[in-house]
N, C-alpha and C. Protein backbone atom coordinates (compact mmCIF):
# COMPACT_ATOMS: atom_id res chain seq x y z
N MET A 1 1.01 -1.14 0.02
CA MET A 1 0.09 0.02 -0.16
C MET A 1 0.82 1.41 -0.11
N PRO A 2 0.42 2.34 -0.88
CA PRO A 2 1.09 3.45 -1.10
C PRO A 2 1.46 4.20 0.44
N GLU A 3 1.87 4.84 0.78
CA GLU A 3 2.41 5.72 2.08
C GLU A 3 1.87 6.95 1.79
N PHE A 4 1.06 7.74 2.73
CA PHE A 4 0.42 9.14 2.48
C PHE A 4 1.07 9.84 3.90
N GLU A 5 0.88 11.55 3.39
CA GLU A 5 1.03 12.10 4.76
C GLU A 5 -0.34 12.23 5.44
N LYS A 6 -0.23 11.91 6.63
CA LYS A 6 -1.73 12.20 7.38
C LYS A 6 -2.16 13.30 7.38
N TYR A 7 -3.57 13.44 6.86
CA TYR A 7 -4.36 14.82 7.05
C TYR A 7 -4.62 14.86 8.76
N ASP A 8 -4.29 16.23 9.20
CA ASP A 8 -4.55 16.72 10.54
C ASP A 8 -5.53 17.68 10.59
N GLY A 9 -5.96 18.31 9.37
CA GLY A 9 -7.19 19.43 9.36
C GLY A 9 -6.27 20.75 9.00
N ALA A 10 -5.07 20.60 9.26
CA ALA A 10 -4.08 22.19 9.01
C ALA A 10 -4.09 22.40 7.50
N LYS A 11 -4.04 21.24 6.37
CA LYS A 11 -3.90 21.93 5.33
C LYS A 11 -5.52 21.79 4.40
N ASN A 12 -5.34 21.86 3.11
CA ASN A 12 -6.42 22.05 2.30
C ASN A 12 -7.02 20.57 2.01
N PRO A 13 -8.21 20.52 2.60
CA PRO A 13 -8.67 18.86 2.46
C PRO A 13 -8.68 18.43 0.81
N ARG A 14 -9.17 19.21 -0.02
CA ARG A 14 -9.16 18.58 -1.65
C ARG A 14 -7.59 18.36 -1.74
N ASP A 15 -6.52 19.11 -1.24
CA ASP A 15 -5.51 18.50 -1.69
C ASP A 15 -4.88 17.33 -1.26
N HIS A 16 -5.55 16.79 -0.06
CA HIS A 16 -5.34 15.63 0.45
C HIS A 16 -6.03 14.62 -0.31
N ILE A 17 -7.15 14.79 -0.68
CA ILE A 17 -7.72 14.11 -1.51
C ILE A 17 -7.48 13.36 -2.75
N LEU A 18 -7.02 14.81 -3.40
CA LEU A 18 -6.31 14.57 -4.85
C LEU A 18 -5.03 13.57 -4.70
N SER A 19 -4.19 13.95 -3.61
CA SER A 19 -3.22 13.01 -3.58
C SER A 19 -3.49 11.86 -3.17
N PHE A 20 -4.43 11.68 -2.50
CA PHE A 20 -4.61 10.06 -1.95
C PHE A 20 -5.30 9.60 -3.19
N GLN A 21 -6.13 9.87 -4.37
CA GLN A 21 -6.69 9.01 -5.26
C GLN A 21 -5.75 9.17 -6.36
N ASN A 22 -4.48 9.83 -6.15
CA ASN A 22 -3.55 9.78 -7.29
C ASN A 22 -2.54 8.60 -6.78
N LYS A 23 -2.10 8.23 -5.69
CA LYS A 23 -1.93 7.26 -4.98
C LYS A 23 -2.33 5.92 -5.37
N MET A 24 -3.94 6.09 -5.19
CA MET A 24 -4.45 4.76 -4.89
C MET A 24 -5.29 4.58 -6.35
N ALA A 25 -4.97 5.21 -7.40
CA ALA A 25 -5.36 5.10 -8.73
C ALA A 25 -5.49 3.41 -8.97
N PRO A 26 -4.65 2.74 -8.81
CA PRO A 26 -4.50 1.18 -9.13
C PRO A 26 -5.61 0.40 -8.51
N PHE A 27 -5.82 0.89 -7.08
CA PHE A 27 -7.02 0.24 -6.41
C PHE A 27 -8.46 0.69 -6.38
N SER A 28 -8.66 1.65 -7.26
CA SER A 28 -9.89 2.64 -7.62
C SER A 28 -11.04 1.50 -7.80
N THR A 29 -10.93 0.36 -8.09
CA THR A 29 -12.12 -0.34 -8.37
C THR A 29 -12.52 -1.10 -7.10
N ASP A 30 -11.65 -0.93 -6.12
CA ASP A 30 -12.11 -1.67 -4.65
C ASP A 30 -12.46 -0.59 -3.92
N ASP A 31 -13.91 -0.51 -3.59
CA ASP A 31 -14.43 0.89 -2.90
C ASP A 31 -14.25 0.24 -1.53
N LYS A 32 -14.20 -0.75 -0.81
CA LYS A 32 -14.01 -1.33 0.44
C LYS A 32 -12.48 -0.99 0.84
N PHE A 33 -11.45 -1.32 -0.14
CA PHE A 33 -10.21 -1.16 0.21
C PHE A 33 -9.72 0.18 0.22
N LEU A 34 -10.22 1.04 -0.54
CA LEU A 34 -10.38 2.73 -0.67
C LEU A 34 -10.78 3.17 0.69
N MET A 35 -12.08 2.85 0.90
CA MET A 35 -12.47 3.49 2.17
C MET A 35 -11.60 2.82 3.22
N TYR A 36 -11.33 1.72 3.52
CA TYR A 36 -10.23 1.46 4.70
C TYR A 36 -9.00 2.34 4.66
N SER A 37 -8.28 2.13 3.24
CA SER A 37 -7.11 3.11 3.26
C SER A 37 -7.33 4.49 3.73
N PHE A 38 -8.40 4.94 3.33
CA PHE A 38 -8.82 6.55 3.53
C PHE A 38 -8.77 6.82 4.98
N MET A 39 -9.63 5.83 5.76
CA MET A 39 -9.75 6.02 7.19
C MET A 39 -8.05 6.32 8.26
N PHE A 40 -7.15 5.49 7.43
CA PHE A 40 -5.91 5.44 7.89
C PHE A 40 -5.06 6.72 7.52
N SER A 41 -5.55 7.56 6.38
CA SER A 41 -4.97 8.66 5.89
C SER A 41 -5.07 9.84 7.01
N LEU A 42 -5.87 9.68 7.75
CA LEU A 42 -6.32 11.02 8.70
C LEU A 42 -5.68 10.68 9.99
N THR A 43 -5.99 11.92 10.52
CA THR A 43 -5.40 11.55 12.08
C THR A 43 -6.22 12.81 12.82
N GLY A 44 -6.01 12.60 14.23
CA GLY A 44 -6.54 13.61 15.04
C GLY A 44 -8.02 13.56 14.85
N SER A 45 -8.98 14.89 15.03
CA SER A 45 -10.11 14.56 15.01
C SER A 45 -10.71 14.91 13.39
N THR A 46 -9.99 14.37 12.58
CA THR A 46 -10.55 14.60 11.05
C THR A 46 -11.39 13.29 10.50
N GLY A 47 -11.65 12.49 11.70
CA GLY A 47 -12.26 11.46 11.11
C GLY A 47 -13.66 11.65 10.65
N LEU A 48 -14.16 10.87 10.00
CA LEU A 48 -15.69 11.24 9.08
C LEU A 48 -16.82 10.33 10.06
N GLY A 49 -16.51 9.34 10.90
CA GLY A 49 -17.66 8.67 11.45
C GLY A 49 -17.88 7.56 10.56
N SER A 50 -19.38 6.80 10.69
CA SER A 50 -19.49 5.57 9.80
C SER A 50 -20.83 5.89 8.99
N ASP A 51 -21.23 6.96 8.98
CA ASP A 51 -22.61 7.13 8.37
C ASP A 51 -22.58 7.44 6.95
N PHE A 52 -21.88 6.84 6.01
CA PHE A 52 -21.80 6.98 4.54
C PHE A 52 -21.65 5.48 4.22
N TYR A 53 -21.82 5.37 2.57
CA TYR A 53 -21.92 4.02 1.92
C TYR A 53 -20.47 3.70 1.31
N GLY A 54 -19.57 4.75 1.08
CA GLY A 54 -18.55 4.25 0.06
C GLY A 54 -17.75 5.28 0.01
N TYR A 55 -16.55 5.02 -0.61
CA TYR A 55 -15.22 6.31 -0.90
C TYR A 55 -15.62 7.39 -1.37
N ASP A 56 -16.66 7.37 -2.60
CA ASP A 56 -16.77 8.45 -3.25
C ASP A 56 -17.63 9.64 -2.22
N GLN A 57 -18.80 8.63 -1.73
CA GLN A 57 -19.31 9.63 -0.62
C GLN A 57 -18.51 10.15 0.54
N ALA A 58 -17.76 9.34 1.14
CA ALA A 58 -16.51 9.94 2.00
C ALA A 58 -15.74 11.01 1.74
N SER A 59 -15.33 10.81 0.70
CA SER A 59 -14.54 11.83 -0.26
C SER A 59 -15.39 13.57 -0.23
N LEU A 60 -16.47 12.98 -0.68
CA LEU A 60 -17.31 14.50 -0.97
C LEU A 60 -17.64 15.07 0.59
N ILE A 61 -18.07 14.18 1.44
CA ILE A 61 -18.20 14.83 2.94
C ILE A 61 -16.86 15.39 3.22
N PHE A 62 -15.86 14.60 3.23
CA PHE A 62 -14.55 15.20 3.73
C PHE A 62 -13.98 16.74 3.20
N LYS A 63 -14.32 16.84 1.59
CA LYS A 63 -14.41 17.95 1.25
C LYS A 63 -15.05 19.22 1.38
N THR A 64 -16.12 18.76 1.78
CA THR A 64 -17.44 19.97 1.57
C THR A 64 -17.55 19.99 3.20
N GLY A 65 -17.05 19.21 4.02
CA GLY A 65 -17.10 19.47 5.45
C GLY A 65 -18.58 19.48 5.81
N LEU A 66 -19.45 18.55 5.15
CA LEU A 66 -20.94 18.26 5.90
C LEU A 66 -21.13 17.24 6.92
């Protein structure tokens, strides 16, 4: 699995999503793996909870702060 800089809320979340997507492109068809990996790319209170259905929805929530 690629290594990521952990997102801690200090930088632009869109930059983190773009970096994550680029590094995870070879795994883009495995939504469960993307979701699992994405949760480990966050640190501190930047977690998303568990009320979403997949990576696309999680990344949208993360980017928009909903």
